[in-house]
């Protein structure tokens, strides 16, 4: 059985809707591995924008990965 399409987007949108009801919360920040294009497309489709990149943020053995810093303004 194949997973349903859009589950990830739906879950993130539900979390954002809940976050919008948190008093004083102005933005949501997240990080995503720079070469994870599917995740970046999902976040961008919801409205997140990249505001920076942390070079060599993660290490797995001898391999390093950059992370994109993303933000969604709620107000």
N, C-alpha and C. Protein backbone atom coordinates (compact mmCIF):
# COMPACT_ATOMS: atom_id res chain seq x y z
N UNK A 1 0.84 -1.18 0.00
CA UNK A 1 0.00 0.00 0.00
C UNK A 1 0.89 1.24 0.00
N UNK A 2 0.64 2.14 -0.92
CA UNK A 2 1.40 3.38 -1.00
C UNK A 2 0.87 4.39 0.00
N UNK A 3 1.77 5.21 0.57
CA UNK A 3 1.29 6.25 1.50
C UNK A 3 0.46 7.29 0.75
N UNK A 4 -0.49 7.87 1.46
CA UNK A 4 -1.31 8.91 0.85
C UNK A 4 -0.47 10.14 0.57
N UNK A 5 -0.72 10.79 -0.54
CA UNK A 5 -0.01 12.02 -0.88
C UNK A 5 -0.58 13.17 -0.06
N UNK A 6 0.29 14.07 0.35
CA UNK A 6 -0.15 15.26 1.04
C UNK A 6 -0.24 15.15 2.54
N UNK A 7 0.10 13.99 3.10
CA UNK A 7 0.01 13.82 4.56
C UNK A 7 0.97 14.76 5.27
N UNK A 8 2.21 14.85 4.79
CA UNK A 8 3.20 15.73 5.42
C UNK A 8 2.74 17.17 5.41
N UNK A 9 2.25 17.63 4.27
CA UNK A 9 1.78 19.01 4.15
C UNK A 9 0.60 19.25 5.08
N UNK A 10 -0.31 18.30 5.13
CA UNK A 10 -1.48 18.43 6.00
C UNK A 10 -1.08 18.52 7.47
N UNK A 11 -0.14 17.68 7.89
CA UNK A 11 0.32 17.71 9.28
C UNK A 11 0.98 19.04 9.64
N UNK A 12 1.84 19.54 8.75
CA UNK A 12 2.52 20.81 9.01
C UNK A 12 1.50 21.94 9.07
N UNK A 13 0.52 21.93 8.18
CA UNK A 13 -0.50 22.98 8.18
C UNK A 13 -1.33 22.94 9.46
N UNK A 14 -1.64 21.74 9.96
CA UNK A 14 -2.39 21.63 11.22
C UNK A 14 -1.58 22.20 12.39
N UNK A 15 -0.27 21.92 12.40
CA UNK A 15 0.59 22.47 13.45
C UNK A 15 0.65 23.99 13.37
N UNK A 16 0.73 24.51 12.16
CA UNK A 16 0.77 25.97 11.98
C UNK A 16 -0.53 26.59 12.47
N UNK A 17 -1.65 25.98 12.13
CA UNK A 17 -2.94 26.50 12.59
C UNK A 17 -3.02 26.52 14.11
N UNK A 18 -2.52 25.49 14.77
CA UNK A 18 -2.49 25.48 16.23
C UNK A 18 -1.55 26.57 16.76
N UNK A 19 -0.41 26.72 16.10
CA UNK A 19 0.58 27.71 16.54
C UNK A 19 0.02 29.12 16.44
N UNK A 20 -0.83 29.38 15.46
CA UNK A 20 -1.40 30.71 15.28
C UNK A 20 -2.25 31.13 16.48
N UNK A 21 -2.68 30.17 17.28
CA UNK A 21 -3.49 30.47 18.47
C UNK A 21 -2.64 30.61 19.73
N UNK A 22 -1.34 30.50 19.61
CA UNK A 22 -0.44 30.66 20.76
C UNK A 22 -0.14 32.15 20.92
N UNK A 23 -0.60 32.69 22.02
CA UNK A 23 -0.44 34.12 22.27
C UNK A 23 1.03 34.53 22.25
N UNK A 24 1.33 35.57 21.50
CA UNK A 24 2.69 36.11 21.45
C UNK A 24 3.60 35.47 20.42
N UNK A 25 3.19 34.35 19.83
CA UNK A 25 4.03 33.67 18.84
C UNK A 25 3.95 34.43 17.52
N UNK A 26 5.09 34.89 17.04
CA UNK A 26 5.13 35.70 15.82
C UNK A 26 5.67 34.96 14.61
N UNK A 27 6.50 33.93 14.84
CA UNK A 27 7.07 33.21 13.72
C UNK A 27 7.45 31.80 14.13
N UNK A 28 7.60 30.95 13.11
CA UNK A 28 8.07 29.57 13.31
C UNK A 28 9.36 29.43 12.52
N UNK A 29 10.40 28.95 13.18
CA UNK A 29 11.69 28.70 12.53
C UNK A 29 11.90 27.20 12.42
N UNK A 30 12.58 26.79 11.36
CA UNK A 30 12.96 25.39 11.22
C UNK A 30 14.26 25.30 10.43
N UNK A 31 14.87 24.14 10.48
CA UNK A 31 16.04 23.86 9.66
C UNK A 31 15.76 22.61 8.83
N UNK A 32 16.35 22.57 7.66
CA UNK A 32 16.20 21.42 6.77
C UNK A 32 17.53 21.20 6.07
N UNK A 33 17.93 19.94 5.94
CA UNK A 33 19.17 19.61 5.24
C UNK A 33 19.10 20.22 3.83
N UNK A 34 20.14 20.90 3.43
CA UNK A 34 20.14 21.67 2.19
C UNK A 34 19.82 20.86 0.94
N UNK A 35 20.20 19.59 0.92
CA UNK A 35 19.94 18.79 -0.29
C UNK A 35 18.65 17.99 -0.22
N UNK A 36 17.81 18.25 0.80
CA UNK A 36 16.51 17.59 0.92
C UNK A 36 15.47 18.43 0.18
N UNK A 37 15.50 18.32 -1.14
CA UNK A 37 14.66 19.17 -1.99
C UNK A 37 13.17 18.94 -1.78
N UNK A 38 12.76 17.72 -1.51
CA UNK A 38 11.34 17.44 -1.30
C UNK A 38 10.83 18.18 -0.06
N UNK A 39 11.59 18.14 1.02
CA UNK A 39 11.18 18.83 2.25
C UNK A 39 11.18 20.34 2.04
N UNK A 40 12.20 20.86 1.36
CA UNK A 40 12.24 22.30 1.11
C UNK A 40 11.05 22.75 0.27
N UNK A 41 10.68 21.97 -0.74
CA UNK A 41 9.51 22.32 -1.57
C UNK A 41 8.23 22.32 -0.72
N UNK A 42 8.11 21.35 0.17
CA UNK A 42 6.93 21.29 1.04
C UNK A 42 6.84 22.54 1.90
N UNK A 43 7.94 22.89 2.57
CA UNK A 43 7.93 24.07 3.44
C UNK A 43 7.69 25.36 2.66
N UNK A 44 8.30 25.47 1.49
CA UNK A 44 8.10 26.66 0.67
C UNK A 44 6.65 26.76 0.19
N UNK A 45 6.02 25.63 -0.13
CA UNK A 45 4.63 25.64 -0.57
C UNK A 45 3.70 26.14 0.53
N UNK A 46 4.10 25.93 1.77
CA UNK A 46 3.29 26.37 2.91
C UNK A 46 3.56 27.84 3.23
N UNK A 47 4.70 28.36 2.79
CA UNK A 47 5.00 29.77 3.02
C UNK A 47 6.30 30.06 3.73
N UNK A 48 7.05 29.03 4.10
CA UNK A 48 8.36 29.25 4.72
C UNK A 48 9.32 29.82 3.68
N UNK A 49 10.22 30.68 4.13
CA UNK A 49 11.26 31.23 3.27
C UNK A 49 12.63 30.97 3.90
N UNK A 50 13.61 30.76 3.06
CA UNK A 50 14.98 30.53 3.53
C UNK A 50 15.63 31.88 3.82
N UNK A 51 16.24 31.99 4.99
CA UNK A 51 16.92 33.24 5.34
C UNK A 51 18.40 33.04 5.60
N UNK A 52 18.88 31.82 5.47
CA UNK A 52 20.31 31.58 5.66
C UNK A 52 20.65 30.11 5.53
N UNK A 53 21.94 29.84 5.54
CA UNK A 53 22.44 28.47 5.48
C UNK A 53 23.55 28.32 6.51
N UNK A 54 23.45 27.26 7.30
CA UNK A 54 24.51 26.94 8.25
C UNK A 54 25.38 25.86 7.61
N UNK A 55 26.61 26.25 7.29
CA UNK A 55 27.55 25.34 6.64
C UNK A 55 27.98 24.24 7.62
N UNK A 56 28.07 23.01 7.13
CA UNK A 56 28.54 21.87 7.92
C UNK A 56 27.81 21.74 9.26
N UNK A 57 26.50 21.92 9.24
CA UNK A 57 25.70 21.89 10.46
C UNK A 57 25.61 20.50 11.07
N UNK A 58 25.61 19.49 10.23
CA UNK A 58 25.50 18.10 10.69
C UNK A 58 26.65 17.28 10.15
N UNK A 59 27.01 16.29 10.92
CA UNK A 59 28.09 15.39 10.49
C UNK A 59 27.64 13.96 10.69
N UNK A 60 27.87 13.14 9.67
CA UNK A 60 27.61 11.70 9.75
C UNK A 60 28.87 11.00 9.28
N UNK A 61 29.63 10.50 10.23
CA UNK A 61 30.92 9.92 9.89
C UNK A 61 31.85 10.99 9.36
N UNK A 62 32.29 10.83 8.13
CA UNK A 62 33.19 11.81 7.51
C UNK A 62 32.44 12.80 6.62
N UNK A 63 31.13 12.66 6.53
CA UNK A 63 30.36 13.52 5.63
C UNK A 63 29.65 14.62 6.42
N UNK A 64 29.73 15.83 5.89
CA UNK A 64 29.07 16.99 6.49
C UNK A 64 27.88 17.42 5.63
N UNK A 65 26.88 17.99 6.30
CA UNK A 65 25.69 18.46 5.61
C UNK A 65 25.40 19.89 6.03
N UNK A 66 25.03 20.71 5.06
CA UNK A 66 24.59 22.07 5.35
C UNK A 66 23.10 22.03 5.69
N UNK A 67 22.64 23.01 6.46
CA UNK A 67 21.23 23.14 6.76
C UNK A 67 20.75 24.53 6.33
N UNK A 68 19.58 24.55 5.69
CA UNK A 68 18.93 25.82 5.38
C UNK A 68 18.09 26.23 6.59
N UNK A 69 18.16 27.50 6.94
CA UNK A 69 17.35 28.08 8.01
C UNK A 69 16.13 28.70 7.35
N UNK A 70 14.93 28.32 7.85
CA UNK A 70 13.70 28.79 7.24
C UNK A 70 12.80 29.40 8.30
N UNK A 71 11.95 30.33 7.87
CA UNK A 71 11.04 31.01 8.79
C UNK A 71 9.68 31.19 8.12
N UNK A 72 8.65 31.11 8.95
CA UNK A 72 7.28 31.44 8.55
C UNK A 72 6.76 32.49 9.51
N UNK A 73 6.51 33.68 9.00
CA UNK A 73 5.97 34.75 9.84
C UNK A 73 4.48 34.53 10.01
N UNK A 74 4.00 34.61 11.24
CA UNK A 74 2.59 34.37 11.53
C UNK A 74 1.78 35.66 11.63
N UNK A 75 2.48 36.79 11.77
CA UNK A 75 1.74 38.07 11.88
C UNK A 75 2.07 38.97 10.70
